[in-house]
Amino acid sequence: MLVENYATPQLAANAAANKRLVFPSAHTYIVDELLIPTGCYVEGNGSILKTANTSTTGSSDDGTLRVGGNGVTIDGLKFDGNIQNQGDAWNQHRHQVRVQGNYSNILVKNCDFYNIIGDGVYINVGSGGNNGHTIEVHDCTFTAANNNRNGVSITSGTNVHVHHNTFKNIARPDMPGAIDVEPNSVSDIVADILIEYNTITRAALSGTGARYGILAAMSNCVGANIVFRNNNISGAGIGAACLVVGDNSGTLNTSAITVTANDIHDAGGAGVELDYGIKTNITNNQFTNLSPAILNYFSYLGDTSGNIFTNVATEISH
């Protein structure tokens, strides 16, 4: 289905279930909640989907593009969140690609996300019964100005693979960071999450608050097989390259989390930070120009073998 043959992109998408939705090269479309149906392959060809000027309100809860079925591929689109033209309004729930619902086999690749308001890609595939879902985000770029929520958010999902992406200057100091694994409730399922071969950088910024590269906030949920590996994370604006958070009541959160083979360097804070009652294996990482390399704050260290420390004042701080 060629977009230019229809009056609006939504009319073209409506006709593209189990077909290809083809955008022309390098056109710009102002859209909100462009709903992509089951089995649709979106061929972006560098076209831009843009958020309208001054369209953000305190109750905004939407996505520029929304996945509406199984077997959807988003390939080669550019997403302009247009945050600089929203006036004084900001809302963390304005995303660019929204995967929300009991959907499987979703692929987002070769896309550019910039001027992000909420998340570049928001993934919430529902609570319960969603074992075996596959969501993949790869070879995308996410660029902000320390003023959005996250690059990729995973609030529930199984078999989620985020790899070979580049994240720059994400996110606001009061928001989590580049890649956030953070279930909303104990009923959310978070399992088989693989985050690898991403490059995350963040320039220095003033003020305090959350400034993280990759994090797993598991305080109210137990996750299974969550792995951060082979990522390159750096930048003076990063408070901790990787953050893992458990239960501040003192109860051990039994989530299975591994941080391995990452190159973590020149960050403004710790390489890996563990907070509150969670055990994480931290192995075979390269830590360079950090203080400390590993911060264990009222938590439990698992295996720490094979790490290499270079110009690190404190390897492990308790």
Protein backbone atom coordinates (compact mmCIF):
# COMPACT_ATOMS: atom_id res chain seq x y z
CA MET A 1 0.00 0.00 0.00
CA LEU A 2 1.57 3.30 -1.11
CA VAL A 3 0.90 6.08 1.39
CA GLU A 4 0.73 8.72 -1.36
CA ASN A 5 -2.24 6.92 -2.92
CA TYR A 6 -4.41 7.65 0.14
CA ALA A 7 -5.72 10.87 1.64
CA THR A 8 -3.98 10.20 4.97
CA PRO A 9 -1.33 7.77 6.30
CA GLN A 10 -4.00 6.21 8.53
CA LEU A 11 -6.21 5.33 5.57
CA ALA A 12 -3.21 3.71 3.91
CA ALA A 13 -2.38 1.80 7.11
CA ASN A 14 -5.96 0.59 7.41
CA ALA A 15 -5.59 -1.11 4.04
CA ALA A 16 -2.19 -2.64 4.84
CA ALA A 17 -3.02 -5.54 7.16
CA ASN A 18 -0.72 -8.43 6.18
CA LYS A 19 0.77 -6.21 3.48
CA ARG A 20 3.54 -3.60 3.06
CA LEU A 21 2.86 0.02 3.93
CA VAL A 22 5.30 2.03 1.82
CA PHE A 23 6.15 5.65 2.58
CA PRO A 24 7.74 7.83 -0.09
CA SER A 25 11.31 8.94 0.39
CA ALA A 26 11.96 11.72 2.93
CA HIS A 27 8.44 13.13 3.31
CA THR A 28 7.14 14.56 6.60
CA TYR A 29 3.76 13.67 8.10
CA ILE A 30 2.14 15.15 11.20
CA VAL A 31 0.49 12.18 12.92
CA ASP A 32 -0.76 10.99 16.28
CA GLU A 33 -1.50 7.34 17.14
CA LEU A 34 -0.93 6.10 13.59
CA LEU A 35 -2.29 2.58 14.14
CA ILE A 36 -0.43 -0.21 12.32
CA PRO A 37 -2.47 -3.40 11.79
CA THR A 38 -1.56 -7.08 12.09
CA GLY A 39 1.10 -8.41 9.73
CA CYS A 40 2.03 -5.01 8.34
CA TYR A 41 5.60 -4.27 7.21
CA VAL A 42 6.14 -0.50 7.36
CA GLU A 43 8.76 0.58 4.83
CA GLY A 44 9.75 4.07 5.94
CA ASN A 45 12.29 5.13 3.29
CA GLY A 46 13.48 7.93 5.58
CA SER A 47 10.11 9.64 5.88
CA ILE A 48 9.44 11.56 9.09
CA LEU A 49 6.51 11.06 11.45
CA LYS A 50 6.25 14.23 13.52
CA THR A 51 4.33 15.31 16.61
CA ALA A 52 2.26 18.45 16.08
CA ASN A 53 3.30 21.78 17.61
CA THR A 54 1.82 22.65 21.05
CA SER A 55 -0.13 19.39 21.20
CA THR A 56 1.13 18.19 24.60
CA THR A 57 -1.11 18.53 27.66
CA GLY A 58 -1.06 17.27 31.21
CA SER A 59 -3.30 14.36 30.20
CA SER A 60 -1.42 13.32 27.04
CA ASP A 61 -1.08 9.54 26.76
CA ASP A 62 -0.31 8.50 23.20
CA GLY A 63 2.24 7.48 20.62
CA THR A 64 3.25 8.89 17.27
CA LEU A 65 2.90 5.35 15.92
CA ARG A 66 1.03 2.57 17.70
CA VAL A 67 1.36 -1.14 17.02
CA GLY A 68 -2.10 -2.68 16.67
CA GLY A 69 -1.46 -6.37 16.07
CA ASN A 70 0.99 -9.25 15.82
CA GLY A 71 3.75 -9.54 13.24
CA VAL A 72 4.45 -5.83 12.72
CA THR A 73 7.76 -4.49 11.40
CA ILE A 74 8.73 -0.80 11.52
CA ASP A 75 11.71 -0.20 9.23
CA GLY A 76 13.48 2.98 8.19
CA LEU A 77 11.23 5.69 9.61
CA LYS A 78 12.33 8.85 11.37
CA PHE A 79 10.40 10.02 14.41
CA ASP A 80 10.47 13.69 15.38
CA GLY A 81 8.90 14.19 18.82
CA ASN A 82 9.11 17.97 18.33
CA ILE A 83 9.61 18.56 22.07
CA GLN A 84 11.05 22.02 21.42
CA ASN A 85 7.69 23.23 20.08
CA GLN A 86 5.40 22.06 22.88
CA GLY A 87 5.43 25.27 24.88
CA ASP A 88 5.75 24.79 28.64
CA ALA A 89 3.93 21.43 28.63
CA TRP A 90 5.71 18.11 29.09
CA ASN A 91 4.24 14.66 29.64
CA GLN A 92 6.23 11.46 30.04
CA HIS A 93 3.49 9.38 28.39
CA ARG A 94 3.96 10.80 24.89
CA HIS A 95 5.94 8.11 23.07
CA GLN A 96 7.09 7.70 19.50
CA VAL A 97 6.54 3.97 18.96
CA ARG A 98 4.06 2.43 21.37
CA VAL A 99 3.85 -1.37 21.66
CA GLN A 100 1.04 -1.78 24.16
CA GLY A 101 -1.13 -4.86 24.12
CA ASN A 102 -0.89 -8.62 23.95
CA TYR A 103 1.22 -8.63 20.78
CA SER A 104 4.00 -10.89 19.48
CA ASN A 105 6.70 -10.71 16.83
CA ILE A 106 7.21 -6.95 16.74
CA LEU A 107 10.36 -5.57 15.10
CA VAL A 108 11.61 -1.97 15.13
CA LYS A 109 14.78 -1.46 13.08
CA ASN A 110 16.82 1.16 11.24
CA CYS A 111 14.79 4.03 12.69
CA ASP A 112 15.90 7.43 14.01
CA PHE A 113 14.24 8.89 17.11
CA TYR A 114 14.92 12.51 18.03
CA ASN A 115 13.40 15.45 19.89
CA ILE A 116 11.84 12.75 22.07
CA ILE A 117 9.17 13.71 24.61
CA GLY A 118 8.43 10.45 26.49
CA ASP A 119 10.04 7.22 25.23
CA GLY A 120 11.41 6.47 21.83
CA VAL A 121 10.00 2.93 22.05
CA TYR A 122 7.57 1.94 24.82
CA ILE A 123 6.96 -1.80 25.33
CA ASN A 124 4.12 -3.08 27.51
CA VAL A 125 2.68 -6.33 26.21
CA GLY A 126 0.45 -7.05 29.16
CA SER A 127 0.34 -9.06 32.36
CA GLY A 128 0.17 -12.82 32.33
CA GLY A 129 -0.15 -15.22 29.44
CA ASN A 130 2.48 -13.50 27.36
CA ASN A 131 5.30 -16.03 27.53
CA GLY A 132 6.92 -16.48 24.16
CA HIS A 133 6.36 -12.98 22.84
CA THR A 134 9.22 -11.59 20.78
CA ILE A 135 9.91 -7.85 20.61
CA GLU A 136 13.11 -6.62 18.95
CA VAL A 137 14.63 -3.14 18.61
CA HIS A 138 17.88 -2.90 16.68
CA ASP A 139 20.10 -0.58 14.64
CA CYS A 140 18.20 2.53 15.71
CA THR A 141 19.43 5.89 16.98
CA PHE A 142 17.87 7.73 19.92
CA THR A 143 18.90 11.36 20.41
CA ALA A 144 17.64 13.81 23.03
CA ALA A 145 18.89 16.81 24.98
CA ASN A 146 18.56 15.43 28.52
CA ASN A 147 14.87 16.36 28.38
CA ASN A 148 12.85 13.23 27.57
CA ARG A 149 11.86 10.14 29.59
CA ASN A 150 13.64 7.07 28.18
CA GLY A 151 15.03 5.77 24.92
CA VAL A 152 13.51 2.28 25.26
CA SER A 153 11.14 1.34 28.11
CA ILE A 154 10.15 -2.24 28.94
CA THR A 155 7.38 -2.42 31.53
CA SER A 156 6.32 -5.97 30.66
CA GLY A 157 7.41 -8.50 28.08
CA THR A 158 9.13 -11.77 27.34
CA ASN A 159 11.84 -12.37 24.76
CA VAL A 160 12.69 -8.70 24.32
CA HIS A 161 15.95 -8.06 22.49
CA VAL A 162 17.41 -4.53 22.33
CA HIS A 163 20.68 -4.47 20.42
CA HIS A 164 23.09 -2.49 18.24
CA ASN A 165 21.39 0.85 18.96
CA THR A 166 22.93 4.23 19.78
CA PHE A 167 21.57 6.44 22.59
CA LYS A 168 22.75 10.00 23.14
CA ASN A 169 21.85 12.42 25.95
CA ILE A 170 18.87 10.50 27.36
CA ALA A 171 17.01 11.31 29.70
CA ARG A 172 15.74 14.06 32.04
CA PRO A 173 17.42 14.06 35.48
CA ASP A 174 14.13 12.97 37.09
CA MET A 175 13.58 10.10 34.63
CA PRO A 176 15.36 6.71 34.42
CA GLY A 177 17.66 6.69 31.39
CA ALA A 178 18.52 5.26 28.00
CA ILE A 179 17.10 1.74 28.48
CA ASP A 180 14.70 1.10 31.34
CA VAL A 181 13.41 -2.31 32.45
CA GLU A 182 10.81 -1.35 35.02
CA PRO A 183 7.59 -3.31 35.60
CA ASN A 184 4.67 -1.29 36.91
CA SER A 185 3.21 -3.94 39.22
CA VAL A 186 3.77 -7.41 40.66
CA SER A 187 1.51 -8.86 37.97
CA ASP A 188 3.77 -7.73 35.15
CA ILE A 189 5.95 -10.41 33.56
CA VAL A 190 9.51 -9.43 32.68
CA ALA A 191 11.56 -12.35 31.42
CA ASP A 192 14.25 -13.19 28.87
CA ILE A 193 15.33 -9.59 28.35
CA LEU A 194 18.60 -9.26 26.41
CA ILE A 195 20.20 -5.83 26.06
CA GLU A 196 23.47 -6.01 24.14
CA TYR A 197 25.85 -4.19 21.80
CA ASN A 198 24.33 -0.78 22.41
CA THR A 199 26.34 2.45 22.62
CA ILE A 200 25.16 4.87 25.28
CA THR A 201 26.68 8.32 25.82
CA ARG A 202 25.59 11.28 27.87
CA ALA A 203 27.22 14.67 28.12
CA ALA A 204 27.61 16.42 31.45
CA LEU A 205 24.63 18.28 32.83
CA SER A 206 24.07 20.24 35.99
CA GLY A 207 21.75 19.26 38.80
CA THR A 208 20.99 16.00 40.53
CA GLY A 209 18.67 13.11 39.91
CA ALA A 210 18.52 9.83 38.03
CA ARG A 211 21.06 9.67 35.23
CA TYR A 212 21.50 6.08 34.12
CA GLY A 213 22.53 4.15 31.05
CA ILE A 214 20.69 0.84 31.53
CA LEU A 215 18.59 -0.03 34.55
CA ALA A 216 16.42 -2.77 35.97
CA ALA A 217 14.07 -1.44 38.66
CA MET A 218 12.59 -4.61 40.13
CA SER A 219 11.33 -3.39 43.50
CA ASN A 220 7.80 -4.74 43.03
CA CYS A 221 8.37 -7.60 40.60
CA VAL A 222 10.65 -10.61 40.13
CA GLY A 223 12.22 -10.84 36.68
CA ALA A 224 13.84 -13.83 35.00
CA ASN A 225 16.94 -13.93 32.81
CA ILE A 226 17.61 -10.22 32.42
CA VAL A 227 21.02 -9.73 30.79
CA PHE A 228 23.02 -6.57 30.00
CA ARG A 229 26.09 -7.51 27.96
CA ASN A 230 28.61 -6.12 25.47
CA ASN A 231 27.34 -2.54 25.77
CA ASN A 232 29.59 0.52 25.61
CA ILE A 233 28.48 3.11 28.19
CA SER A 234 30.20 6.41 28.94
CA GLY A 235 29.75 10.11 29.63
CA ALA A 236 30.11 12.59 32.45
CA GLY A 237 26.33 12.99 32.61
CA ILE A 238 25.80 9.36 33.60
CA GLY A 239 25.34 8.88 37.35
CA ALA A 240 25.66 5.09 36.99
CA ALA A 241 26.22 3.20 33.77
CA CYS A 242 24.02 0.31 34.98
CA LEU A 243 21.58 0.44 37.88
CA VAL A 244 19.82 -2.54 39.46
CA VAL A 245 17.20 -1.80 42.15
CA GLY A 246 15.51 -4.28 44.46
CA ASP A 247 13.20 -4.08 47.47
CA ASN A 248 14.05 -1.40 50.04
CA SER A 249 12.21 -3.35 52.76
CA GLY A 250 15.26 -5.60 53.08
CA THR A 251 13.58 -8.61 51.48
CA LEU A 252 15.76 -10.26 48.85
CA ASN A 253 14.36 -9.81 45.37
CA THR A 254 15.20 -13.04 43.55
CA SER A 255 15.31 -11.61 40.03
CA ALA A 256 17.95 -13.23 37.81
CA ILE A 257 20.08 -10.35 36.52
CA THR A 258 23.51 -10.48 34.86
CA VAL A 259 25.78 -7.57 33.86
CA THR A 260 28.61 -8.97 31.78
CA ALA A 261 31.27 -8.08 29.20
CA ASN A 262 30.36 -4.39 29.04
CA ASP A 263 32.84 -1.57 28.40
CA ILE A 264 31.96 1.02 31.05
CA HIS A 265 34.17 4.09 31.16
CA ASP A 266 34.48 7.79 31.91
CA ALA A 267 31.09 8.06 33.59
CA GLY A 268 30.19 10.70 36.15
CA GLY A 269 29.34 8.08 38.78
CA ALA A 270 29.55 4.35 39.40
CA GLY A 271 29.97 1.73 36.74
CA VAL A 272 27.33 -0.61 38.20
CA GLU A 273 25.14 0.38 41.14
CA LEU A 274 23.10 -2.13 43.15
CA ASP A 275 20.43 -0.76 45.47
CA TYR A 276 18.26 -2.48 48.06
CA GLY A 277 17.95 -6.22 48.41
CA ILE A 278 18.77 -7.62 45.00
CA LYS A 279 21.55 -9.93 43.85
CA THR A 280 23.29 -9.43 40.54
CA ASN A 281 26.19 -11.19 38.84
CA ILE A 282 28.69 -8.62 37.54
CA THR A 283 31.36 -10.40 35.48
CA ASN A 284 33.99 -9.84 32.79
CA ASN A 285 33.35 -6.11 32.45
CA GLN A 286 35.96 -3.49 31.58
CA PHE A 287 35.75 -0.60 34.09
CA THR A 288 37.84 2.50 33.24
CA ASN A 289 38.08 5.97 34.85
CA LEU A 290 35.32 5.45 37.39
CA SER A 291 34.72 6.01 41.06
CA PRO A 292 33.64 3.48 42.15
CA ALA A 293 33.44 0.71 39.58
CA ILE A 294 30.78 -1.18 41.57
CA LEU A 295 28.58 0.42 44.23
CA ASN A 296 26.75 -2.03 46.51
CA TYR A 297 24.17 -0.05 48.49
CA PHE A 298 22.26 -2.22 50.99
CA SER A 299 22.22 -5.00 48.42
CA TYR A 300 23.87 -8.35 47.66
CA LEU A 301 26.77 -8.92 45.29
CA GLY A 302 26.76 -12.07 43.25
CA ASP A 303 29.69 -13.28 41.14
CA THR A 304 32.22 -10.50 40.39
CA SER A 305 34.87 -12.58 38.62
CA GLY A 306 36.74 -11.56 35.50
CA ASN A 307 36.27 -7.79 35.77
CA ILE A 308 39.16 -5.55 34.68
CA PHE A 309 39.70 -2.27 36.52
CA THR A 310 41.76 0.54 34.97
CA ASN A 311 42.29 3.89 36.70
CA VAL A 312 39.56 3.05 39.20
CA ALA A 313 40.00 4.59 42.66
CA THR A 314 37.61 2.13 44.33
CA GLU A 315 36.75 -1.17 42.70
CA ILE A 316 33.86 -2.14 44.99
CA SER A 317 32.22 0.28 47.41
CA HIS A 318 29.77 -0.82 50.11
